[in-house]
Amino acid sequence: MKNPETIAKVFAARRRGKAAGGSTVRQSFQSAWKKVADMFRRRPRLLSRILLALPALWILFDFVTYSFGTIPASRDSVQVTGSKRVPVEQVRSEIFRKLRTANAENLIEVDLAELSEYLTQRIPAIRSVTVTKNIGRGVMTVAVVERTGVAVIRSSMGRLEVDREGVLYPADDPSRTRLAEVTGLAGSTIAPGRNLFEHPSGAGLLRVVLSLPSPAHLKSVRIVRADYYELEFFSGVVVKADPVNFPDKADRLQKILFKVARPVSYIDVRFEQDVIAYKPETPQERGKQGR
């Protein structure tokens, strides 16, 4: 068995060796760095040439990557973000459909701007799309911004939502939205992907819906004629209106609803003099007034 003093001397020698080795590495690195710095000081043009060449090298790298890189057309290579109501698989399917149309097998071959425009046309519920490619990871990312509906239109094509820009698209599940339902609109322009402004009453309808304060608690809008709308609120009040100067009429309506103390059957704001029809008093209400 070795003497404890001998063992201690061995460990001390090892520590000195490691310290010496670490010191040698640091000295070697410092020496190499000093040589590089001295070289650039002696030849300043060399540094400037290297800096000028960097953009060209980057462009060359980008060219080689896009020429020989690959993003395979597979489900895992397409990542979709921001999609809440539009199914992710629908977005992927449209991308692969675009690939087949272009006779392309590699996602890297797809033009980003062209693909973004294609997706917004094929899926009207999408307002905008930003597409990016990550060659290193072999992934294409599709960031989706969906449209926000302001009303639901019942038509022969089913339930269609419309946003403030007038774009029509398939409506979401009724349990997930509480938008006013519009009836009385018909025609070939009431279809997914079309614009409500193409319909003769479209601009007037949007003017009416968007002029109401938020939340409007609007239940439905019935377009009786182009100049006659009936708006029903969740409170049970019916408002008869027309789209002409409706923002002013919406202000008048708000003041009327704030002042009335009795239950209202309907309010007509189509004329200069507002018409207010009250609901018949119940026997209980008449009894309270007689006390």
Protein backbone atom coordinates (compact mmCIF):
# COMPACT_ATOMS: atom_id res chain seq x y z
CA MET A 1 0.00 0.00 0.00
CA LYS A 2 1.29 3.40 -0.98
CA ASN A 3 2.17 6.03 1.56
CA PRO A 4 -0.53 8.82 1.88
CA GLU A 5 2.19 11.41 1.33
CA THR A 6 3.15 9.69 -1.92
CA ILE A 7 -0.49 9.68 -3.11
CA ALA A 8 -0.84 13.38 -2.28
CA LYS A 9 2.31 14.16 -4.27
CA VAL A 10 0.92 12.23 -7.27
CA PHE A 11 -2.39 14.18 -7.26
CA ALA A 12 -0.56 17.47 -6.84
CA ALA A 13 1.62 16.64 -9.83
CA ARG A 14 -1.46 15.80 -11.91
CA ARG A 15 -3.11 19.11 -10.99
CA ARG A 16 0.02 21.00 -11.97
CA GLY A 17 0.05 19.14 -15.28
CA LYS A 18 -3.57 20.04 -16.03
CA ALA A 19 -3.02 23.65 -15.12
CA ALA A 20 0.03 23.74 -17.29
CA GLY A 21 -1.91 22.14 -20.13
CA GLY A 22 -4.76 24.67 -19.80
CA SER A 23 -2.30 27.50 -19.73
CA THR A 24 -0.67 26.15 -22.89
CA VAL A 25 -4.02 26.04 -24.73
CA ARG A 26 -4.83 29.62 -23.75
CA GLN A 27 -1.41 30.79 -24.81
CA SER A 28 -1.75 29.02 -28.17
CA PHE A 29 -5.17 30.62 -28.81
CA GLN A 30 -3.92 34.07 -27.82
CA SER A 31 -0.90 33.66 -30.06
CA ALA A 32 -3.02 32.62 -33.05
CA TRP A 33 -5.45 35.51 -32.51
CA LYS A 34 -2.55 37.94 -32.28
CA LYS A 35 -1.15 36.68 -35.59
CA VAL A 36 -4.54 37.17 -37.31
CA ALA A 37 -4.91 40.67 -35.85
CA ASP A 38 -1.34 41.58 -36.92
CA MET A 39 -2.04 40.32 -40.44
CA PHE A 40 -5.13 42.54 -40.80
CA ARG A 41 -3.22 45.53 -39.37
CA ARG A 42 -0.43 45.04 -41.90
CA ARG A 43 -2.87 44.43 -44.77
CA PRO A 44 -6.06 46.48 -44.10
CA ARG A 45 -7.26 45.99 -47.68
CA LEU A 46 -7.57 42.26 -47.05
CA LEU A 47 -10.24 42.82 -44.38
CA SER A 48 -12.20 45.21 -46.59
CA ARG A 49 -12.09 42.72 -49.47
CA ILE A 50 -13.39 39.95 -47.23
CA LEU A 51 -16.23 42.18 -46.01
CA LEU A 52 -17.12 43.13 -49.58
CA ALA A 53 -17.12 39.48 -50.62
CA LEU A 54 -19.55 38.38 -47.88
CA PRO A 55 -22.77 39.49 -49.69
CA ALA A 56 -21.64 37.71 -52.86
CA LEU A 57 -20.86 34.57 -50.86
CA TRP A 58 -24.29 34.75 -49.23
CA ILE A 59 -26.01 35.09 -52.62
CA LEU A 60 -23.98 32.14 -53.91
CA PHE A 61 -24.95 30.09 -50.85
CA ASP A 62 -28.61 31.02 -51.33
CA PHE A 63 -28.46 30.06 -55.01
CA VAL A 64 -26.83 26.71 -54.33
CA THR A 65 -29.28 25.98 -51.53
CA TYR A 66 -32.34 26.74 -53.63
CA SER A 67 -30.90 24.94 -56.64
CA PHE A 68 -29.96 21.74 -54.90
CA GLY A 69 -31.94 21.95 -51.64
CA THR A 70 -35.23 20.15 -51.20
CA ILE A 71 -38.45 20.32 -49.22
CA PRO A 72 -40.37 17.12 -49.97
CA ALA A 73 -44.09 17.43 -50.64
CA SER A 74 -45.30 15.59 -47.56
CA ARG A 75 -47.74 16.28 -44.76
CA ASP A 76 -44.99 16.78 -42.18
CA SER A 77 -43.10 19.26 -44.36
CA VAL A 78 -45.98 21.80 -44.35
CA GLN A 79 -46.63 23.56 -41.04
CA VAL A 80 -49.78 25.73 -40.79
CA THR A 81 -50.16 28.38 -38.07
CA GLY A 82 -52.99 30.79 -37.19
CA SER A 83 -55.72 28.52 -38.53
CA LYS A 84 -58.65 28.27 -36.11
CA ARG A 85 -61.71 27.64 -38.26
CA VAL A 86 -60.07 26.64 -41.54
CA PRO A 87 -58.94 22.99 -41.27
CA VAL A 88 -55.18 22.58 -41.48
CA GLU A 89 -55.60 19.61 -43.79
CA GLN A 90 -57.58 21.79 -46.20
CA VAL A 91 -54.65 24.21 -46.44
CA ARG A 92 -52.20 21.34 -47.02
CA SER A 93 -54.47 19.79 -49.66
CA GLU A 94 -54.64 23.06 -51.60
CA ILE A 95 -50.84 23.38 -51.51
CA PHE A 96 -50.41 19.87 -52.90
CA ARG A 97 -53.07 20.61 -55.52
CA LYS A 98 -51.01 23.64 -56.58
CA LEU A 99 -47.93 21.42 -56.84
CA ARG A 100 -49.72 18.95 -59.08
CA THR A 101 -50.99 21.76 -61.30
CA ALA A 102 -47.45 23.11 -61.66
CA ASN A 103 -46.02 19.59 -62.22
CA ALA A 104 -43.67 20.17 -59.31
CA GLU A 105 -42.47 17.57 -56.82
CA ASN A 106 -40.49 19.82 -54.51
CA LEU A 107 -42.01 22.56 -52.35
CA ILE A 108 -38.91 24.66 -52.92
CA GLU A 109 -39.97 25.14 -56.53
CA VAL A 110 -43.18 26.98 -55.55
CA ASP A 111 -43.26 30.78 -55.85
CA LEU A 112 -44.19 32.15 -52.41
CA ALA A 113 -46.22 35.17 -53.59
CA GLU A 114 -48.08 33.07 -56.13
CA LEU A 115 -48.88 30.41 -53.52
CA SER A 116 -50.18 33.03 -51.06
CA GLU A 117 -52.53 34.49 -53.66
CA TYR A 118 -53.64 31.00 -54.69
CA LEU A 119 -54.58 30.03 -51.12
CA THR A 120 -56.65 33.19 -50.50
CA GLN A 121 -58.54 32.54 -53.73
CA ARG A 122 -59.16 28.87 -53.04
CA ILE A 123 -60.12 29.37 -49.38
CA PRO A 124 -62.16 32.62 -49.07
CA ALA A 125 -62.21 32.39 -45.25
CA ILE A 126 -58.47 33.21 -45.31
CA ARG A 127 -57.78 36.93 -45.42
CA SER A 128 -54.01 36.75 -45.95
CA VAL A 129 -51.18 34.22 -46.03
CA THR A 130 -47.45 34.50 -45.37
CA VAL A 131 -45.36 31.59 -46.64
CA THR A 132 -41.74 30.99 -45.62
CA LYS A 133 -39.29 28.18 -46.39
CA ASN A 134 -36.67 26.72 -44.08
CA ILE A 135 -34.31 24.71 -46.27
CA GLY A 136 -32.20 23.53 -43.36
CA ARG A 137 -35.17 21.96 -41.58
CA GLY A 138 -36.90 20.96 -44.81
CA VAL A 139 -40.09 22.74 -43.77
CA MET A 140 -42.51 25.22 -45.34
CA THR A 141 -44.45 27.38 -42.86
CA VAL A 142 -47.83 28.85 -43.84
CA ALA A 143 -49.02 31.62 -41.49
CA VAL A 144 -52.76 32.15 -41.96
CA VAL A 145 -54.85 35.20 -41.00
CA GLU A 146 -58.55 34.35 -41.08
CA ARG A 147 -61.43 36.69 -41.84
CA THR A 148 -63.72 38.00 -39.09
CA GLY A 149 -67.41 37.83 -39.90
CA VAL A 150 -69.88 40.63 -39.17
CA ALA A 151 -73.07 38.84 -40.28
CA VAL A 152 -74.38 35.51 -41.59
CA ILE A 153 -76.40 35.42 -44.80
CA ARG A 154 -78.92 32.68 -45.46
CA SER A 155 -78.91 31.81 -49.13
CA SER A 156 -79.49 28.97 -51.57
CA MET A 157 -75.78 28.16 -51.11
CA GLY A 158 -76.30 27.66 -47.37
CA ARG A 159 -75.12 29.86 -44.52
CA LEU A 160 -72.41 32.30 -45.59
CA GLU A 161 -70.46 34.69 -43.42
CA VAL A 162 -69.48 38.13 -44.67
CA ASP A 163 -66.64 40.27 -43.30
CA ARG A 164 -66.36 44.05 -43.33
CA GLU A 165 -64.67 43.92 -46.74
CA GLY A 166 -67.75 42.21 -48.19
CA VAL A 167 -66.09 38.83 -48.86
CA LEU A 168 -68.44 35.85 -48.58
CA TYR A 169 -67.29 32.45 -47.29
CA PRO A 170 -68.86 29.35 -45.64
CA ALA A 171 -70.19 30.17 -42.18
CA ASP A 172 -68.70 28.75 -39.02
CA ASP A 173 -70.58 26.52 -36.60
CA PRO A 174 -73.54 28.57 -35.23
CA SER A 175 -72.63 27.52 -31.68
CA ARG A 176 -69.26 29.28 -32.03
CA THR A 177 -70.55 32.61 -33.34
CA ARG A 178 -73.35 35.01 -32.44
CA LEU A 179 -73.69 36.96 -35.65
CA ALA A 180 -76.87 38.51 -37.00
CA GLU A 181 -78.57 36.36 -39.63
CA VAL A 182 -79.60 38.15 -42.83
CA THR A 183 -82.52 37.03 -44.99
CA GLY A 184 -83.92 38.49 -48.19
CA LEU A 185 -80.75 38.47 -50.29
CA ALA A 186 -80.71 36.31 -53.40
CA GLY A 187 -78.86 36.05 -56.67
CA SER A 188 -75.79 34.48 -58.24
CA THR A 189 -73.49 36.94 -56.47
CA ILE A 190 -74.38 35.43 -53.07
CA ALA A 191 -71.81 32.62 -53.20
CA PRO A 192 -68.49 31.71 -51.51
CA GLY A 193 -65.61 33.79 -52.81
CA ARG A 194 -67.86 36.53 -54.20
CA ASN A 195 -68.11 40.04 -52.77
CA LEU A 196 -71.31 41.36 -51.24
CA PHE A 197 -70.67 44.76 -52.83
CA GLU A 198 -71.52 43.10 -56.16
CA HIS A 199 -75.14 42.76 -54.95
CA PRO A 200 -77.42 45.82 -55.29
CA SER A 201 -78.26 45.72 -51.56
CA GLY A 202 -74.82 44.62 -50.38
CA ALA A 203 -73.30 48.02 -49.64
CA GLY A 204 -76.45 49.13 -47.81
CA LEU A 205 -76.51 46.00 -45.66
CA LEU A 206 -72.87 46.37 -44.60
CA ARG A 207 -73.44 50.06 -43.87
CA VAL A 208 -76.31 49.13 -41.56
CA VAL A 209 -74.50 46.31 -39.75
CA LEU A 210 -71.20 48.19 -39.30
CA SER A 211 -72.87 51.42 -38.12
CA LEU A 212 -74.34 49.79 -35.02
CA PRO A 213 -72.35 50.10 -31.78
CA SER A 214 -70.42 47.06 -30.62
CA PRO A 215 -71.70 44.80 -29.19
CA ALA A 216 -74.92 45.48 -31.08
CA HIS A 217 -76.84 42.42 -29.80
CA LEU A 218 -78.39 42.24 -33.26
CA LYS A 219 -80.30 39.01 -33.84
CA SER A 220 -81.42 39.27 -37.46
CA VAL A 221 -81.83 41.55 -40.47
CA ARG A 222 -84.67 41.03 -42.93
CA ILE A 223 -84.34 42.88 -46.22
CA VAL A 224 -87.93 43.52 -47.25
CA ARG A 225 -86.97 45.87 -50.07
CA ALA A 226 -83.81 47.68 -51.13
CA ASP A 227 -85.02 50.70 -49.12
CA TYR A 228 -86.65 48.88 -46.22
CA TYR A 229 -84.88 46.73 -43.62
CA GLU A 230 -86.23 45.20 -40.42
CA LEU A 231 -83.65 44.72 -37.68
CA GLU A 232 -84.51 42.51 -34.71
CA PHE A 233 -82.44 42.70 -31.54
CA PHE A 234 -82.09 40.00 -28.89
CA SER A 235 -84.10 42.26 -26.55
CA GLY A 236 -87.11 41.75 -28.83
CA VAL A 237 -87.13 45.30 -30.23
CA VAL A 238 -87.69 45.57 -33.99
CA VAL A 239 -86.24 48.56 -35.87
CA LYS A 240 -87.54 49.60 -39.28
CA ALA A 241 -84.86 51.41 -41.26
CA ASP A 242 -83.31 52.07 -44.63
CA PRO A 243 -79.59 52.21 -45.48
CA VAL A 244 -79.57 55.91 -46.43
CA ASN A 245 -77.55 57.92 -43.86
CA PHE A 246 -77.83 54.99 -41.47
CA PRO A 247 -74.90 56.03 -39.23
CA ASP A 248 -76.94 59.10 -38.20
CA LYS A 249 -80.02 56.94 -37.71
CA ALA A 250 -78.01 54.53 -35.56
CA ASP A 251 -77.13 57.44 -33.24
CA ARG A 252 -80.80 58.43 -33.05
CA LEU A 253 -81.76 54.84 -32.31
CA GLN A 254 -79.27 54.59 -29.47
CA LYS A 255 -80.66 57.76 -27.85
CA ILE A 256 -84.24 56.47 -28.18
CA LEU A 257 -83.41 53.14 -26.54
CA PHE A 258 -81.66 54.98 -23.72
CA LYS A 259 -84.70 57.19 -23.00
CA VAL A 260 -87.67 54.82 -23.32
CA ALA A 261 -89.01 53.43 -20.06
CA ARG A 262 -91.70 51.13 -21.44
CA PRO A 263 -91.27 47.93 -23.47
CA VAL A 264 -91.02 48.80 -27.17
CA SER A 265 -92.62 46.82 -29.99
CA TYR A 266 -90.83 48.58 -32.85
CA ILE A 267 -89.05 51.81 -33.75
CA ASP A 268 -89.18 53.34 -37.21
CA VAL A 269 -86.23 55.63 -38.04
CA ARG A 270 -86.86 55.96 -41.77
CA PHE A 271 -88.37 59.40 -41.41
CA GLU A 272 -87.33 62.69 -39.84
CA GLN A 273 -89.81 62.13 -37.02
CA ASP A 274 -89.10 58.88 -35.24
CA VAL A 275 -92.01 56.49 -34.72
CA ILE A 276 -92.09 54.48 -31.50
CA ALA A 277 -94.67 51.74 -30.98
CA TYR A 278 -94.94 50.50 -27.40
CA LYS A 279 -96.05 47.06 -26.39
CA PRO A 280 -99.52 46.83 -24.78
CA GLU A 281 -99.42 47.11 -21.03
CA THR A 282 -100.09 43.97 -19.06
CA PRO A 283 -102.71 43.99 -16.26
CA GLN A 284 -99.89 43.90 -13.72
CA GLU A 285 -98.28 47.03 -15.23
CA ARG A 286 -101.62 48.87 -15.26
CA GLY A 287 -102.15 47.88 -11.65
CA LYS A 288 -98.76 49.30 -10.65
CA GLN A 289 -99.59 52.63 -12.33
CA GLY A 290 -102.94 52.87 -10.50
CA ARG A 291 -101.31 52.57 -7.10
